[in-house]
């Protein structure tokens, strides 16, 4: 999985682990923590990468923000990623139970772990989803 979890409640950690991380375009596929993704490996093969991350700026520290706040933060995240020359594919993090609203997100092929963690921390996220060369989504806790 990822780093330590002492800062997160058991329920919140379980929610992260059960989330469906859906990449919407240009390809559609769903990532699940700990489950190998042939789609991610295909992206690596097609683009020549060996890592990726799934990031969001929505609901910092898992506190519900307004749509306006979330949209502004997400736009800032995307802008910064693009300015740093990363590919940005649209996505959404979905709670399969429906207890938490979906969070607009991005799949970023080719980003390294330290940079992905830096973006997550900058936008006050508790965690990011990281995939290394094996294509297995891992929950990396930042708090």
N, C-alpha and C. Protein backbone atom coordinates (compact mmCIF):
# COMPACT_ATOMS: atom_id res chain seq x y z
N UNK A 1 0.84 -1.17 0.00
CA UNK A 1 0.00 0.00 0.00
C UNK A 1 0.88 1.21 0.00
N UNK A 2 0.91 2.01 0.97
CA UNK A 2 1.72 3.21 0.94
C UNK A 2 2.30 3.47 2.30
N UNK A 3 2.39 4.71 2.64
CA UNK A 3 3.01 5.15 3.88
C UNK A 3 2.11 4.89 5.08
N UNK A 4 2.53 5.43 6.21
CA UNK A 4 1.81 5.23 7.46
C UNK A 4 0.41 5.83 7.42
N UNK A 5 -0.46 5.35 8.30
CA UNK A 5 -1.85 5.80 8.29
C UNK A 5 -2.30 6.37 9.63
N UNK A 6 -1.37 6.72 10.50
CA UNK A 6 -1.78 7.16 11.84
C UNK A 6 -2.62 8.43 11.83
N UNK A 7 -2.55 9.24 10.77
CA UNK A 7 -3.31 10.48 10.73
C UNK A 7 -4.72 10.32 10.21
N UNK A 8 -5.08 9.16 9.68
CA UNK A 8 -6.40 8.97 9.09
C UNK A 8 -7.21 7.97 9.90
N UNK A 9 -8.51 8.21 9.98
CA UNK A 9 -9.38 7.26 10.67
C UNK A 9 -9.48 5.97 9.86
N UNK A 10 -9.87 4.91 10.52
CA UNK A 10 -10.05 3.62 9.84
C UNK A 10 -11.10 3.74 8.75
N UNK A 11 -12.19 4.47 9.02
CA UNK A 11 -13.25 4.63 8.02
C UNK A 11 -12.76 5.40 6.79
N UNK A 12 -11.98 6.45 7.02
CA UNK A 12 -11.47 7.23 5.90
C UNK A 12 -10.48 6.41 5.08
N UNK A 13 -9.62 5.68 5.75
CA UNK A 13 -8.67 4.82 5.04
C UNK A 13 -9.42 3.77 4.21
N UNK A 14 -10.46 3.17 4.79
CA UNK A 14 -11.26 2.19 4.05
C UNK A 14 -11.93 2.83 2.84
N UNK A 15 -12.39 4.06 2.99
CA UNK A 15 -13.02 4.76 1.87
C UNK A 15 -12.02 4.95 0.73
N UNK A 16 -10.81 5.37 1.06
CA UNK A 16 -9.78 5.52 0.03
C UNK A 16 -9.51 4.18 -0.67
N UNK A 17 -9.39 3.13 0.11
CA UNK A 17 -9.06 1.82 -0.45
C UNK A 17 -10.17 1.26 -1.34
N UNK A 18 -11.40 1.68 -1.10
CA UNK A 18 -12.54 1.18 -1.89
C UNK A 18 -12.91 2.08 -3.06
N UNK A 19 -12.30 3.25 -3.16
CA UNK A 19 -12.64 4.18 -4.23
C UNK A 19 -12.28 3.60 -5.60
N UNK A 20 -13.14 3.90 -6.57
CA UNK A 20 -12.85 3.57 -7.97
C UNK A 20 -12.26 4.82 -8.60
N UNK A 21 -11.05 4.72 -9.08
CA UNK A 21 -10.35 5.84 -9.70
C UNK A 21 -10.51 5.68 -11.21
N UNK A 22 -11.44 6.43 -11.78
CA UNK A 22 -11.82 6.26 -13.18
C UNK A 22 -11.13 7.27 -14.08
N UNK A 23 -10.41 6.76 -15.05
CA UNK A 23 -9.82 7.60 -16.09
C UNK A 23 -10.87 7.71 -17.18
N UNK A 24 -11.19 8.94 -17.59
CA UNK A 24 -12.31 9.15 -18.51
C UNK A 24 -11.86 9.35 -19.96
N UNK A 25 -10.78 10.10 -20.15
CA UNK A 25 -10.32 10.31 -21.52
C UNK A 25 -8.84 10.66 -21.51
N UNK A 26 -8.12 10.32 -22.53
CA UNK A 26 -8.60 9.85 -23.83
C UNK A 26 -8.99 8.37 -23.87
N UNK A 27 -8.63 7.60 -22.84
CA UNK A 27 -9.05 6.21 -22.74
C UNK A 27 -9.87 6.07 -21.47
N UNK A 28 -10.81 5.13 -21.47
CA UNK A 28 -11.59 4.89 -20.26
C UNK A 28 -11.13 3.59 -19.60
N UNK A 29 -10.77 3.71 -18.33
CA UNK A 29 -10.46 2.52 -17.53
C UNK A 29 -10.55 2.90 -16.06
N UNK A 30 -10.68 1.88 -15.21
CA UNK A 30 -10.85 2.10 -13.78
C UNK A 30 -9.68 1.49 -13.03
N UNK A 31 -9.15 2.26 -12.10
CA UNK A 31 -8.06 1.82 -11.24
C UNK A 31 -8.60 1.49 -9.86
N UNK A 32 -8.09 0.41 -9.28
CA UNK A 32 -8.44 0.04 -7.91
C UNK A 32 -7.15 -0.26 -7.16
N UNK A 33 -7.09 0.20 -5.94
CA UNK A 33 -5.88 0.04 -5.14
C UNK A 33 -5.54 -1.44 -5.01
N UNK A 34 -4.27 -1.75 -5.32
CA UNK A 34 -3.76 -3.10 -5.16
C UNK A 34 -4.07 -4.07 -6.28
N UNK A 35 -4.83 -3.63 -7.28
CA UNK A 35 -5.20 -4.52 -8.38
C UNK A 35 -4.42 -4.12 -9.63
N UNK A 36 -3.60 -5.04 -10.16
CA UNK A 36 -2.80 -4.70 -11.35
C UNK A 36 -3.69 -4.19 -12.49
N UNK A 37 -3.17 -3.21 -13.21
CA UNK A 37 -3.92 -2.60 -14.30
C UNK A 37 -3.21 -2.83 -15.63
N UNK A 38 -3.81 -3.66 -16.47
CA UNK A 38 -3.24 -3.87 -17.81
C UNK A 38 -3.35 -2.58 -18.62
N UNK A 39 -4.35 -1.76 -18.32
CA UNK A 39 -4.51 -0.49 -19.03
C UNK A 39 -3.34 0.46 -18.74
N UNK A 40 -2.91 0.52 -17.50
CA UNK A 40 -1.78 1.37 -17.15
C UNK A 40 -0.52 0.87 -17.87
N UNK A 41 -0.33 -0.44 -17.87
CA UNK A 41 0.84 -0.99 -18.55
C UNK A 41 0.79 -0.70 -20.05
N UNK A 42 -0.41 -0.71 -20.63
CA UNK A 42 -0.55 -0.37 -22.05
C UNK A 42 -0.20 1.10 -22.30
N UNK A 43 -0.59 1.97 -21.37
CA UNK A 43 -0.23 3.39 -21.47
C UNK A 43 1.29 3.53 -21.42
N UNK A 44 1.92 2.83 -20.48
CA UNK A 44 3.38 2.88 -20.38
C UNK A 44 4.03 2.46 -21.70
N UNK A 45 3.55 1.35 -22.25
CA UNK A 45 4.11 0.83 -23.49
C UNK A 45 3.93 1.82 -24.64
N UNK A 46 2.73 2.39 -24.73
CA UNK A 46 2.42 3.32 -25.83
C UNK A 46 3.21 4.63 -25.73
N UNK A 47 3.42 5.10 -24.50
CA UNK A 47 4.03 6.42 -24.31
C UNK A 47 5.48 6.39 -23.85
N UNK A 48 5.97 5.20 -23.52
CA UNK A 48 7.35 5.10 -23.07
C UNK A 48 7.58 5.53 -21.63
N UNK A 49 6.56 5.42 -20.80
CA UNK A 49 6.67 5.80 -19.39
C UNK A 49 6.74 4.56 -18.50
N UNK A 50 7.10 4.77 -17.24
CA UNK A 50 7.15 3.67 -16.29
C UNK A 50 6.53 4.05 -14.94
N UNK A 51 5.77 5.14 -14.92
CA UNK A 51 5.09 5.56 -13.69
C UNK A 51 3.93 6.47 -14.05
N UNK A 52 3.01 6.60 -13.09
CA UNK A 52 1.85 7.48 -13.27
C UNK A 52 1.26 7.77 -11.90
N UNK A 53 0.41 8.78 -11.85
CA UNK A 53 -0.30 9.12 -10.62
C UNK A 53 -1.72 9.52 -10.96
N UNK A 54 -2.61 9.38 -10.00
CA UNK A 54 -3.99 9.84 -10.09
C UNK A 54 -4.13 10.88 -8.99
N UNK A 55 -4.39 12.13 -9.38
CA UNK A 55 -4.37 13.26 -8.46
C UNK A 55 -5.67 14.04 -8.50
N UNK A 56 -5.97 14.71 -7.40
CA UNK A 56 -7.09 15.64 -7.34
C UNK A 56 -6.73 16.81 -6.44
N UNK A 57 -7.47 17.89 -6.60
CA UNK A 57 -7.36 19.03 -5.68
C UNK A 57 -8.68 19.22 -4.92
N UNK A 58 -9.64 18.34 -5.15
CA UNK A 58 -10.96 18.47 -4.53
C UNK A 58 -10.90 18.13 -3.04
N UNK A 59 -11.75 18.79 -2.29
CA UNK A 59 -11.99 18.51 -0.87
C UNK A 59 -10.70 18.31 -0.08
N UNK A 60 -9.90 19.37 0.06
CA UNK A 60 -8.63 19.26 0.79
C UNK A 60 -8.82 18.65 2.18
N UNK A 61 -7.90 17.76 2.53
CA UNK A 61 -7.91 17.05 3.82
C UNK A 61 -9.25 16.37 4.08
N UNK A 62 -9.91 15.94 3.00
CA UNK A 62 -11.19 15.22 3.07
C UNK A 62 -12.29 16.03 3.74
N UNK A 63 -12.19 17.34 3.66
CA UNK A 63 -13.24 18.23 4.15
C UNK A 63 -14.00 18.76 2.95
N UNK A 64 -15.32 18.58 2.94
CA UNK A 64 -16.10 19.01 1.78
C UNK A 64 -15.97 20.51 1.57
N UNK A 65 -15.60 20.86 0.35
CA UNK A 65 -15.50 22.26 -0.06
C UNK A 65 -16.66 22.54 -1.01
N UNK A 66 -16.88 23.81 -1.31
CA UNK A 66 -17.94 24.15 -2.26
C UNK A 66 -17.50 23.75 -3.67
N UNK A 67 -18.47 23.60 -4.56
CA UNK A 67 -18.13 23.28 -5.95
C UNK A 67 -17.21 24.34 -6.53
N UNK A 68 -17.48 25.60 -6.22
CA UNK A 68 -16.66 26.70 -6.73
C UNK A 68 -15.21 26.58 -6.23
N UNK A 69 -15.03 26.28 -4.95
CA UNK A 69 -13.69 26.11 -4.40
C UNK A 69 -12.98 24.92 -5.04
N UNK A 70 -13.71 23.81 -5.16
CA UNK A 70 -13.13 22.60 -5.76
C UNK A 70 -12.74 22.83 -7.21
N UNK A 71 -13.61 23.46 -7.98
CA UNK A 71 -13.33 23.70 -9.39
C UNK A 71 -12.13 24.63 -9.57
N UNK A 72 -12.02 25.65 -8.73
CA UNK A 72 -10.88 26.56 -8.81
C UNK A 72 -9.58 25.84 -8.45
N UNK A 73 -9.61 25.03 -7.40
CA UNK A 73 -8.41 24.29 -7.00
C UNK A 73 -8.01 23.29 -8.08
N UNK A 74 -9.00 22.59 -8.65
CA UNK A 74 -8.70 21.61 -9.69
C UNK A 74 -8.11 22.30 -10.93
N UNK A 75 -8.66 23.44 -11.30
CA UNK A 75 -8.13 24.19 -12.44
C UNK A 75 -6.68 24.61 -12.18
N UNK A 76 -6.38 25.01 -10.94
CA UNK A 76 -5.01 25.40 -10.60
C UNK A 76 -4.06 24.20 -10.67
N UNK A 77 -4.52 23.04 -10.21
CA UNK A 77 -3.71 21.82 -10.30
C UNK A 77 -3.41 21.48 -11.76
N UNK A 78 -4.45 21.48 -12.58
CA UNK A 78 -4.27 21.14 -14.00
C UNK A 78 -3.34 22.15 -14.67
N UNK A 79 -3.54 23.43 -14.38
CA UNK A 79 -2.68 24.46 -14.97
C UNK A 79 -1.22 24.23 -14.61
N UNK A 80 -0.98 23.92 -13.35
CA UNK A 80 0.41 23.71 -12.91
C UNK A 80 1.01 22.47 -13.56
N UNK A 81 0.23 21.40 -13.66
CA UNK A 81 0.72 20.19 -14.32
C UNK A 81 1.06 20.47 -15.79
N UNK A 82 0.17 21.16 -16.47
CA UNK A 82 0.39 21.47 -17.89
C UNK A 82 1.61 22.38 -18.06
N UNK A 83 1.74 23.39 -17.21
CA UNK A 83 2.90 24.28 -17.28
C UNK A 83 4.21 23.52 -17.06
N UNK A 84 4.14 22.42 -16.31
CA UNK A 84 5.31 21.58 -16.07
C UNK A 84 5.44 20.46 -17.11
N UNK A 85 4.67 20.57 -18.19
CA UNK A 85 4.78 19.70 -19.37
C UNK A 85 4.31 18.26 -19.14
N UNK A 86 3.40 18.06 -18.18
CA UNK A 86 2.84 16.72 -17.97
C UNK A 86 1.60 16.52 -18.83
N UNK A 87 1.40 15.29 -19.29
CA UNK A 87 0.13 14.92 -19.90
C UNK A 87 -0.90 14.86 -18.79
N UNK A 88 -2.11 15.30 -19.06
CA UNK A 88 -3.17 15.32 -18.06
C UNK A 88 -4.41 14.71 -18.68
N UNK A 89 -4.82 13.56 -18.16
CA UNK A 89 -6.02 12.89 -18.63
C UNK A 89 -7.11 13.06 -17.58
N UNK A 90 -8.32 13.39 -18.01
CA UNK A 90 -9.40 13.63 -17.05
C UNK A 90 -9.82 12.33 -16.37
N UNK A 91 -10.27 12.49 -15.14
CA UNK A 91 -10.72 11.34 -14.37
C UNK A 91 -11.66 11.78 -13.27
N UNK A 92 -12.12 10.80 -12.52
CA UNK A 92 -12.98 11.07 -11.37
C UNK A 92 -12.78 9.95 -10.35
N UNK A 93 -12.70 10.32 -9.09
CA UNK A 93 -12.66 9.35 -8.00
C UNK A 93 -14.08 9.13 -7.52
N UNK A 94 -14.53 7.87 -7.56
CA UNK A 94 -15.93 7.56 -7.26
C UNK A 94 -16.02 6.63 -6.06
N UNK A 95 -16.85 7.01 -5.10
CA UNK A 95 -17.18 6.15 -3.96
C UNK A 95 -18.26 5.19 -4.42
N UNK A 96 -17.96 3.88 -4.51
CA UNK A 96 -18.96 2.94 -5.02
C UNK A 96 -20.21 2.82 -4.15
N UNK A 97 -20.13 3.26 -2.87
CA UNK A 97 -21.31 3.21 -2.01
C UNK A 97 -22.20 4.43 -2.20
N UNK A 98 -21.66 5.48 -2.83
CA UNK A 98 -22.42 6.70 -3.04
C UNK A 98 -22.48 7.62 -1.83
N UNK A 99 -21.75 7.28 -0.75
CA UNK A 99 -21.76 8.11 0.46
C UNK A 99 -20.99 9.41 0.29
N UNK A 100 -20.05 9.45 -0.64
CA UNK A 100 -19.22 10.64 -0.86
C UNK A 100 -19.32 10.98 -2.33
N UNK A 101 -19.52 12.26 -2.66
CA UNK A 101 -19.65 12.62 -4.08
C UNK A 101 -18.35 12.39 -4.84
N UNK A 102 -18.47 12.15 -6.14
CA UNK A 102 -17.30 11.97 -6.99
C UNK A 102 -16.42 13.21 -6.98
N UNK A 103 -15.12 12.99 -7.11
CA UNK A 103 -14.16 14.09 -7.12
C UNK A 103 -13.43 14.12 -8.46
N UNK A 104 -13.54 15.26 -9.15
CA UNK A 104 -12.80 15.41 -10.40
C UNK A 104 -11.33 15.19 -10.11
N UNK A 105 -10.67 14.49 -11.02
CA UNK A 105 -9.28 14.09 -10.82
C UNK A 105 -8.56 14.07 -12.15
N UNK A 106 -7.28 13.78 -12.10
CA UNK A 106 -6.49 13.62 -13.31
C UNK A 106 -5.56 12.43 -13.18
N UNK A 107 -5.38 11.75 -14.30
CA UNK A 107 -4.39 10.69 -14.44
C UNK A 107 -3.19 11.33 -15.14
N UNK A 108 -2.01 11.17 -14.54
CA UNK A 108 -0.81 11.86 -15.04
C UNK A 108 0.27 10.82 -15.34
N UNK A 109 0.34 10.34 -16.59
CA UNK A 109 1.40 9.40 -16.93
C UNK A 109 2.75 10.10 -16.98
N UNK A 110 3.79 9.39 -16.51
CA UNK A 110 5.15 9.91 -16.61
C UNK A 110 5.62 10.74 -15.43
N UNK A 111 4.77 10.98 -14.46
CA UNK A 111 5.17 11.77 -13.29
C UNK A 111 5.88 10.86 -12.29
N UNK A 112 6.94 11.37 -11.65
CA UNK A 112 7.64 10.55 -10.66
C UNK A 112 6.97 10.69 -9.29
N UNK A 113 7.30 9.77 -8.39
CA UNK A 113 6.63 9.72 -7.09
C UNK A 113 6.83 11.00 -6.28
N UNK A 114 8.04 11.48 -6.19
CA UNK A 114 8.28 12.67 -5.36
C UNK A 114 7.51 13.88 -5.88
N UNK A 115 7.45 14.02 -7.20
CA UNK A 115 6.71 15.14 -7.78
C UNK A 115 5.22 14.98 -7.55
N UNK A 116 4.71 13.76 -7.71
CA UNK A 116 3.29 13.50 -7.46
C UNK A 116 2.93 13.80 -6.01
N UNK A 117 3.78 13.37 -5.08
CA UNK A 117 3.55 13.67 -3.66
C UNK A 117 3.57 15.17 -3.40
N UNK A 118 4.47 15.86 -4.07
CA UNK A 118 4.56 17.31 -3.90
C UNK A 118 3.28 18.00 -4.36
N UNK A 119 2.74 17.57 -5.51
CA UNK A 119 1.47 18.14 -5.97
C UNK A 119 0.35 17.82 -4.97
N UNK A 120 0.29 16.59 -4.49
CA UNK A 120 -0.73 16.23 -3.52
C UNK A 120 -0.65 17.07 -2.26
N UNK A 121 0.56 17.26 -1.76
CA UNK A 121 0.75 18.07 -0.56
C UNK A 121 0.41 19.53 -0.81
N UNK A 122 0.83 20.05 -1.96
CA UNK A 122 0.55 21.45 -2.28
C UNK A 122 -0.94 21.74 -2.29
N UNK A 123 -1.74 20.75 -2.71
CA UNK A 123 -3.18 20.94 -2.77
C UNK A 123 -3.89 20.29 -1.58
N UNK A 124 -3.14 20.09 -0.49
CA UNK A 124 -3.67 19.66 0.82
C UNK A 124 -4.46 18.36 0.76
N UNK A 125 -3.93 17.39 0.03
CA UNK A 125 -4.59 16.10 -0.06
C UNK A 125 -4.03 15.15 0.99
N UNK A 126 -4.89 14.25 1.48
CA UNK A 126 -4.45 13.23 2.42
C UNK A 126 -3.63 12.15 1.75
N UNK A 127 -3.90 11.92 0.45
CA UNK A 127 -3.26 10.80 -0.24
C UNK A 127 -3.28 11.04 -1.74
N UNK A 128 -2.44 10.28 -2.43
CA UNK A 128 -2.47 10.21 -3.88
C UNK A 128 -2.48 8.74 -4.28
N UNK A 129 -2.79 8.47 -5.53
CA UNK A 129 -2.66 7.12 -6.06
C UNK A 129 -1.44 7.12 -6.98
N UNK A 130 -0.57 6.17 -6.77
CA UNK A 130 0.70 6.08 -7.49
C UNK A 130 0.84 4.71 -8.14
N UNK A 131 1.38 4.68 -9.33
CA UNK A 131 1.66 3.44 -10.03
C UNK A 131 3.09 3.47 -10.52
N UNK A 132 3.88 2.46 -10.16
CA UNK A 132 5.23 2.39 -10.70
C UNK A 132 5.23 1.46 -11.90
N UNK A 133 6.38 0.94 -12.25
CA UNK A 133 6.52 0.16 -13.48
C UNK A 133 5.60 -1.06 -13.54
N UNK A 134 5.21 -1.61 -12.38
CA UNK A 134 4.35 -2.81 -12.38
C UNK A 134 2.89 -2.50 -12.67
N UNK A 135 2.50 -1.22 -12.68
CA UNK A 135 1.13 -0.84 -13.01
C UNK A 135 0.09 -1.13 -11.94
N UNK A 136 0.53 -1.37 -10.71
CA UNK A 136 -0.40 -1.64 -9.61
C UNK A 136 -0.65 -0.34 -8.85
N UNK A 137 -1.90 0.15 -8.83
CA UNK A 137 -2.20 1.37 -8.08
C UNK A 137 -1.95 1.19 -6.58
N UNK A 138 -1.22 2.13 -6.01
CA UNK A 138 -0.90 2.12 -4.59
C UNK A 138 -1.43 3.40 -3.96
N UNK A 139 -1.98 3.29 -2.77
CA UNK A 139 -2.40 4.47 -2.02
C UNK A 139 -1.18 4.98 -1.26
N UNK A 140 -0.79 6.20 -1.55
CA UNK A 140 0.35 6.83 -0.88
C UNK A 140 -0.20 7.92 0.03
N UNK A 141 -0.08 7.70 1.33
CA UNK A 141 -0.62 8.65 2.30
C UNK A 141 0.36 9.80 2.50
N UNK A 142 -0.18 10.99 2.55
CA UNK A 142 0.63 12.19 2.70
C UNK A 142 0.49 12.82 4.07
N UNK A 143 -0.52 12.45 4.82
CA UNK A 143 -0.79 13.06 6.13
C UNK A 143 -0.46 12.09 7.24
